[in-house]
Amino acid sequence: MHTLEITGLTVDATIGVHAYEQKILQPLLIDISLKLEADNIPDDINHTLDYDKLCQTITQFIKSRPFQLIETVVNEVVSLLKTEFQITPIKVSVSKPNAIKNARNISVIFHA
């Protein structure tokens, strides 16, 4: 069993509880960790998870609508990955690095 990790997938999103935040784009950083069965597979993308497609799917989903909470984003990304890619178990972290002026980062992590 292998672990696939995607770190720092950056998506400019409409996110925030304040009115001004719904008028601007802010970066979200997405980290994903999942188990991957990759023992003895042929050197062919059709026999494994297409992580480029996975990243594109997440990016398009987040850009498709406004959000207020990163908690909602993480829950919906997990749901999307379970539905579209049949991935379990999975760990997804959504970070909003500019959320608080004197904090480097704010993250919500979901383990499923």
N, C-alpha and C. Protein backbone atom coordinates (compact mmCIF):
# COMPACT_ATOMS: atom_id res chain seq x y z
N MET A 1 0.85 -1.18 0.00
CA MET A 1 0.00 0.00 0.00
C MET A 1 0.89 1.24 0.00
N HIS A 2 0.51 2.20 -0.78
CA HIS A 2 1.24 3.46 -0.89
C HIS A 2 0.37 4.60 -0.37
N THR A 3 1.01 5.73 -0.13
CA THR A 3 0.28 6.94 0.22
C THR A 3 0.57 7.99 -0.84
N LEU A 4 -0.48 8.55 -1.39
CA LEU A 4 -0.36 9.66 -2.32
C LEU A 4 -0.64 10.93 -1.55
N GLU A 5 0.27 11.89 -1.65
CA GLU A 5 0.09 13.18 -0.99
C GLU A 5 0.18 14.29 -2.01
N ILE A 6 -0.81 15.15 -1.98
CA ILE A 6 -0.82 16.36 -2.79
C ILE A 6 -0.78 17.50 -1.79
N THR A 7 0.20 18.36 -1.91
CA THR A 7 0.34 19.45 -0.94
C THR A 7 0.37 20.80 -1.65
N GLY A 8 -0.30 21.75 -1.05
CA GLY A 8 -0.24 23.11 -1.55
C GLY A 8 -0.97 23.37 -2.85
N LEU A 9 -2.02 22.57 -3.14
CA LEU A 9 -2.84 22.88 -4.32
C LEU A 9 -3.50 24.22 -4.05
N THR A 10 -3.15 25.22 -4.82
CA THR A 10 -3.62 26.58 -4.59
C THR A 10 -4.80 26.89 -5.49
N VAL A 11 -5.89 27.33 -4.85
CA VAL A 11 -7.10 27.68 -5.59
C VAL A 11 -7.55 29.05 -5.11
N ASP A 12 -7.71 29.98 -6.04
CA ASP A 12 -8.24 31.29 -5.70
C ASP A 12 -9.76 31.17 -5.59
N ALA A 13 -10.29 31.48 -4.42
CA ALA A 13 -11.69 31.22 -4.12
C ALA A 13 -12.39 32.47 -3.59
N THR A 14 -13.68 32.48 -3.79
CA THR A 14 -14.53 33.47 -3.13
C THR A 14 -14.94 32.83 -1.82
N ILE A 15 -14.35 33.33 -0.72
CA ILE A 15 -14.59 32.70 0.59
C ILE A 15 -14.49 33.72 1.70
N GLY A 16 -15.41 33.62 2.65
CA GLY A 16 -15.35 34.48 3.82
C GLY A 16 -16.74 34.85 4.31
N VAL A 17 -16.81 35.21 5.57
CA VAL A 17 -18.09 35.58 6.18
C VAL A 17 -18.37 37.07 6.08
N HIS A 18 -17.36 37.85 5.78
CA HIS A 18 -17.54 39.30 5.67
C HIS A 18 -17.92 39.66 4.23
N ALA A 19 -18.75 40.69 4.09
CA ALA A 19 -19.25 41.11 2.78
C ALA A 19 -18.11 41.40 1.80
N TYR A 20 -17.06 42.07 2.27
CA TYR A 20 -15.96 42.41 1.37
C TYR A 20 -15.25 41.15 0.85
N GLU A 21 -15.25 40.07 1.65
CA GLU A 21 -14.59 38.84 1.22
C GLU A 21 -15.33 38.17 0.07
N GLN A 22 -16.61 38.40 -0.03
CA GLN A 22 -17.40 37.81 -1.10
C GLN A 22 -17.22 38.56 -2.42
N LYS A 23 -16.45 39.64 -2.39
CA LYS A 23 -16.19 40.44 -3.59
C LYS A 23 -14.77 40.27 -4.12
N ILE A 24 -13.96 39.47 -3.41
CA ILE A 24 -12.56 39.29 -3.81
C ILE A 24 -12.23 37.80 -3.88
N LEU A 25 -11.12 37.50 -4.52
CA LEU A 25 -10.60 36.14 -4.53
C LEU A 25 -9.50 36.04 -3.49
N GLN A 26 -9.51 34.93 -2.75
CA GLN A 26 -8.48 34.67 -1.74
C GLN A 26 -7.93 33.27 -1.96
N PRO A 27 -6.64 33.09 -1.72
CA PRO A 27 -6.07 31.76 -1.93
C PRO A 27 -6.46 30.78 -0.83
N LEU A 28 -6.80 29.59 -1.26
CA LEU A 28 -6.94 28.46 -0.36
C LEU A 28 -5.85 27.46 -0.73
N LEU A 29 -5.28 26.81 0.25
CA LEU A 29 -4.29 25.77 0.02
C LEU A 29 -4.92 24.45 0.42
N ILE A 30 -4.89 23.48 -0.49
CA ILE A 30 -5.50 22.19 -0.27
C ILE A 30 -4.40 21.14 -0.19
N ASP A 31 -4.44 20.35 0.88
CA ASP A 31 -3.54 19.20 1.04
C ASP A 31 -4.40 17.95 1.11
N ILE A 32 -3.97 16.91 0.40
CA ILE A 32 -4.71 15.65 0.35
C ILE A 32 -3.75 14.51 0.59
N SER A 33 -4.18 13.57 1.40
CA SER A 33 -3.41 12.35 1.63
C SER A 33 -4.37 11.18 1.52
N LEU A 34 -3.99 10.18 0.72
CA LEU A 34 -4.87 9.03 0.53
C LEU A 34 -4.06 7.78 0.29
N LYS A 35 -4.68 6.66 0.60
CA LYS A 35 -4.05 5.37 0.35
C LYS A 35 -4.21 5.01 -1.11
N LEU A 36 -3.17 4.45 -1.67
CA LEU A 36 -3.16 4.12 -3.09
C LEU A 36 -2.57 2.73 -3.26
N GLU A 37 -3.32 1.88 -3.92
CA GLU A 37 -2.83 0.53 -4.22
C GLU A 37 -2.02 0.62 -5.51
N ALA A 38 -0.70 0.59 -5.37
CA ALA A 38 0.16 0.78 -6.54
C ALA A 38 1.20 -0.33 -6.67
N ASP A 39 1.02 -1.43 -5.96
CA ASP A 39 1.95 -2.54 -6.07
C ASP A 39 1.76 -3.26 -7.41
N ASN A 40 2.84 -3.45 -8.12
CA ASN A 40 2.84 -4.25 -9.35
C ASN A 40 1.85 -3.78 -10.40
N ILE A 41 1.67 -2.47 -10.54
CA ILE A 41 0.79 -1.99 -11.60
C ILE A 41 1.61 -1.69 -12.84
N PRO A 42 1.00 -1.81 -14.03
CA PRO A 42 1.70 -1.43 -15.25
C PRO A 42 1.98 0.07 -15.26
N ASP A 43 2.94 0.47 -16.04
CA ASP A 43 3.32 1.88 -16.16
C ASP A 43 2.32 2.57 -17.10
N ASP A 44 1.08 2.70 -16.61
CA ASP A 44 -0.02 3.19 -17.43
C ASP A 44 -1.01 3.90 -16.52
N ILE A 45 -1.36 5.15 -16.84
CA ILE A 45 -2.24 5.96 -16.02
C ILE A 45 -3.61 5.31 -15.82
N ASN A 46 -4.03 4.45 -16.72
CA ASN A 46 -5.33 3.80 -16.62
C ASN A 46 -5.40 2.78 -15.48
N HIS A 47 -4.26 2.50 -14.85
CA HIS A 47 -4.21 1.52 -13.77
C HIS A 47 -3.99 2.15 -12.40
N THR A 48 -4.12 3.47 -12.35
CA THR A 48 -3.93 4.16 -11.07
C THR A 48 -4.78 5.42 -11.03
N LEU A 49 -4.68 6.17 -9.98
CA LEU A 49 -5.43 7.41 -9.83
C LEU A 49 -4.78 8.51 -10.64
N ASP A 50 -5.55 9.19 -11.45
CA ASP A 50 -5.07 10.32 -12.23
C ASP A 50 -5.10 11.57 -11.34
N TYR A 51 -3.99 11.88 -10.69
CA TYR A 51 -3.98 12.98 -9.73
C TYR A 51 -4.08 14.34 -10.40
N ASP A 52 -3.72 14.43 -11.68
CA ASP A 52 -3.94 15.68 -12.41
C ASP A 52 -5.44 15.94 -12.55
N LYS A 53 -6.18 14.92 -12.92
CA LYS A 53 -7.63 15.05 -13.04
C LYS A 53 -8.24 15.36 -11.68
N LEU A 54 -7.76 14.72 -10.63
CA LEU A 54 -8.25 14.97 -9.28
C LEU A 54 -8.05 16.44 -8.91
N CYS A 55 -6.87 16.97 -9.15
CA CYS A 55 -6.58 18.38 -8.82
C CYS A 55 -7.43 19.33 -9.65
N GLN A 56 -7.62 19.03 -10.93
CA GLN A 56 -8.46 19.87 -11.79
C GLN A 56 -9.91 19.86 -11.32
N THR A 57 -10.39 18.69 -10.91
CA THR A 57 -11.76 18.56 -10.43
C THR A 57 -11.98 19.39 -9.17
N ILE A 58 -11.04 19.32 -8.24
CA ILE A 58 -11.14 20.11 -7.00
C ILE A 58 -11.09 21.61 -7.31
N THR A 59 -10.16 22.00 -8.16
CA THR A 59 -10.00 23.41 -8.51
C THR A 59 -11.28 23.96 -9.13
N GLN A 60 -11.82 23.25 -10.11
CA GLN A 60 -13.05 23.70 -10.77
C GLN A 60 -14.22 23.77 -9.79
N PHE A 61 -14.30 22.78 -8.89
CA PHE A 61 -15.39 22.76 -7.92
C PHE A 61 -15.32 23.97 -6.99
N ILE A 62 -14.16 24.26 -6.45
CA ILE A 62 -14.03 25.38 -5.52
C ILE A 62 -14.26 26.72 -6.22
N LYS A 63 -13.82 26.83 -7.46
CA LYS A 63 -14.01 28.08 -8.20
C LYS A 63 -15.45 28.26 -8.67
N SER A 64 -16.26 27.22 -8.62
CA SER A 64 -17.60 27.26 -9.20
C SER A 64 -18.64 28.00 -8.37
N ARG A 65 -18.32 28.27 -7.10
CA ARG A 65 -19.31 28.94 -6.25
C ARG A 65 -18.63 29.60 -5.06
N PRO A 66 -19.32 30.55 -4.44
CA PRO A 66 -18.77 31.19 -3.24
C PRO A 66 -19.00 30.31 -2.00
N PHE A 67 -18.11 30.45 -1.04
CA PHE A 67 -18.22 29.78 0.25
C PHE A 67 -18.06 30.82 1.35
N GLN A 68 -18.58 30.51 2.51
CA GLN A 68 -18.33 31.34 3.68
C GLN A 68 -17.25 30.73 4.55
N LEU A 69 -17.29 29.41 4.74
CA LEU A 69 -16.42 28.74 5.71
C LEU A 69 -15.48 27.74 5.05
N ILE A 70 -14.24 27.67 5.57
CA ILE A 70 -13.35 26.63 5.08
C ILE A 70 -13.82 25.25 5.55
N GLU A 71 -14.57 25.21 6.63
CA GLU A 71 -15.16 23.94 7.08
C GLU A 71 -16.08 23.37 6.01
N THR A 72 -16.86 24.23 5.37
CA THR A 72 -17.74 23.78 4.28
C THR A 72 -16.92 23.29 3.10
N VAL A 73 -15.87 24.01 2.76
CA VAL A 73 -15.02 23.61 1.64
C VAL A 73 -14.44 22.23 1.89
N VAL A 74 -13.86 21.99 3.06
CA VAL A 74 -13.23 20.71 3.33
C VAL A 74 -14.26 19.58 3.30
N ASN A 75 -15.44 19.80 3.88
CA ASN A 75 -16.47 18.76 3.86
C ASN A 75 -16.93 18.44 2.45
N GLU A 76 -17.11 19.46 1.64
CA GLU A 76 -17.58 19.24 0.27
C GLU A 76 -16.51 18.66 -0.63
N VAL A 77 -15.26 19.01 -0.41
CA VAL A 77 -14.17 18.40 -1.18
C VAL A 77 -14.07 16.91 -0.85
N VAL A 78 -14.17 16.56 0.41
CA VAL A 78 -14.14 15.15 0.80
C VAL A 78 -15.29 14.40 0.14
N SER A 79 -16.47 14.97 0.18
CA SER A 79 -17.64 14.35 -0.44
C SER A 79 -17.44 14.18 -1.95
N LEU A 80 -16.91 15.20 -2.59
CA LEU A 80 -16.62 15.14 -4.02
C LEU A 80 -15.64 14.02 -4.35
N LEU A 81 -14.57 13.91 -3.58
CA LEU A 81 -13.56 12.89 -3.84
C LEU A 81 -14.11 11.48 -3.61
N LYS A 82 -14.94 11.34 -2.60
CA LYS A 82 -15.56 10.03 -2.36
C LYS A 82 -16.49 9.64 -3.51
N THR A 83 -17.25 10.61 -4.00
CA THR A 83 -18.22 10.35 -5.06
C THR A 83 -17.56 10.17 -6.42
N GLU A 84 -16.71 11.12 -6.78
CA GLU A 84 -16.12 11.12 -8.13
C GLU A 84 -14.98 10.11 -8.30
N PHE A 85 -14.23 9.86 -7.24
CA PHE A 85 -13.03 9.02 -7.36
C PHE A 85 -13.07 7.78 -6.47
N GLN A 86 -14.15 7.61 -5.71
CA GLN A 86 -14.31 6.47 -4.81
C GLN A 86 -13.10 6.31 -3.88
N ILE A 87 -12.67 7.41 -3.29
CA ILE A 87 -11.48 7.40 -2.43
C ILE A 87 -11.89 7.30 -0.97
N THR A 88 -11.38 6.31 -0.28
CA THR A 88 -11.44 6.18 1.17
C THR A 88 -10.30 5.28 1.59
N PRO A 89 -9.69 5.43 2.69
CA PRO A 89 -9.77 6.61 3.56
C PRO A 89 -9.04 7.80 2.93
N ILE A 90 -9.34 8.96 3.46
CA ILE A 90 -8.77 10.18 2.89
C ILE A 90 -8.59 11.22 4.00
N LYS A 91 -7.59 12.05 3.83
CA LYS A 91 -7.37 13.19 4.72
C LYS A 91 -7.26 14.43 3.84
N VAL A 92 -8.07 15.43 4.14
CA VAL A 92 -8.06 16.67 3.36
C VAL A 92 -7.89 17.84 4.34
N SER A 93 -6.99 18.72 4.01
CA SER A 93 -6.78 19.94 4.78
C SER A 93 -7.03 21.13 3.86
N VAL A 94 -7.81 22.08 4.35
CA VAL A 94 -8.03 23.33 3.62
C VAL A 94 -7.49 24.45 4.49
N SER A 95 -6.58 25.24 3.94
CA SER A 95 -5.96 26.34 4.66
C SER A 95 -6.29 27.66 3.99
N LYS A 96 -6.50 28.66 4.82
CA LYS A 96 -6.74 30.02 4.35
C LYS A 96 -5.64 30.89 4.97
N PRO A 97 -4.52 31.04 4.23
CA PRO A 97 -3.35 31.68 4.83
C PRO A 97 -3.53 33.15 5.20
N ASN A 98 -4.48 33.84 4.61
CA ASN A 98 -4.65 35.26 4.90
C ASN A 98 -5.88 35.52 5.77
N ALA A 99 -6.37 34.52 6.46
CA ALA A 99 -7.62 34.67 7.21
C ALA A 99 -7.50 35.62 8.40
N ILE A 100 -6.41 35.53 9.13
CA ILE A 100 -6.21 36.35 10.32
C ILE A 100 -4.91 37.13 10.15
N LYS A 101 -4.97 38.42 10.39
CA LYS A 101 -3.83 39.30 10.15
C LYS A 101 -2.55 38.84 10.85
N ASN A 102 -2.63 38.43 12.11
CA ASN A 102 -1.42 38.09 12.85
C ASN A 102 -1.21 36.58 13.01
N ALA A 103 -1.85 35.79 12.15
CA ALA A 103 -1.62 34.34 12.12
C ALA A 103 -1.13 33.95 10.73
N ARG A 104 -0.15 33.08 10.69
CA ARG A 104 0.40 32.64 9.42
C ARG A 104 -0.63 31.88 8.59
N ASN A 105 -1.47 31.07 9.27
CA ASN A 105 -2.38 30.22 8.53
C ASN A 105 -3.51 29.75 9.44
N ILE A 106 -4.65 29.46 8.83
CA ILE A 106 -5.79 28.82 9.50
C ILE A 106 -6.15 27.61 8.65
N SER A 107 -6.30 26.45 9.28
CA SER A 107 -6.61 25.22 8.55
C SER A 107 -7.72 24.44 9.23
N VAL A 108 -8.45 23.72 8.40
CA VAL A 108 -9.40 22.71 8.90
C VAL A 108 -9.02 21.40 8.24
N ILE A 109 -8.88 20.37 9.04
CA ILE A 109 -8.46 19.05 8.55
C ILE A 109 -9.57 18.05 8.77
N PHE A 110 -9.88 17.30 7.73
CA PHE A 110 -10.93 16.29 7.79
C PHE A 110 -10.31 14.92 7.53
N HIS A 111 -10.57 13.99 8.42
CA HIS A 111 -10.13 12.61 8.24
C HIS A 111 -11.37 11.77 7.96
N ALA A 112 -11.37 11.06 6.86
CA ALA A 112 -12.53 10.23 6.54
C ALA A 112 -12.08 8.84 6.13
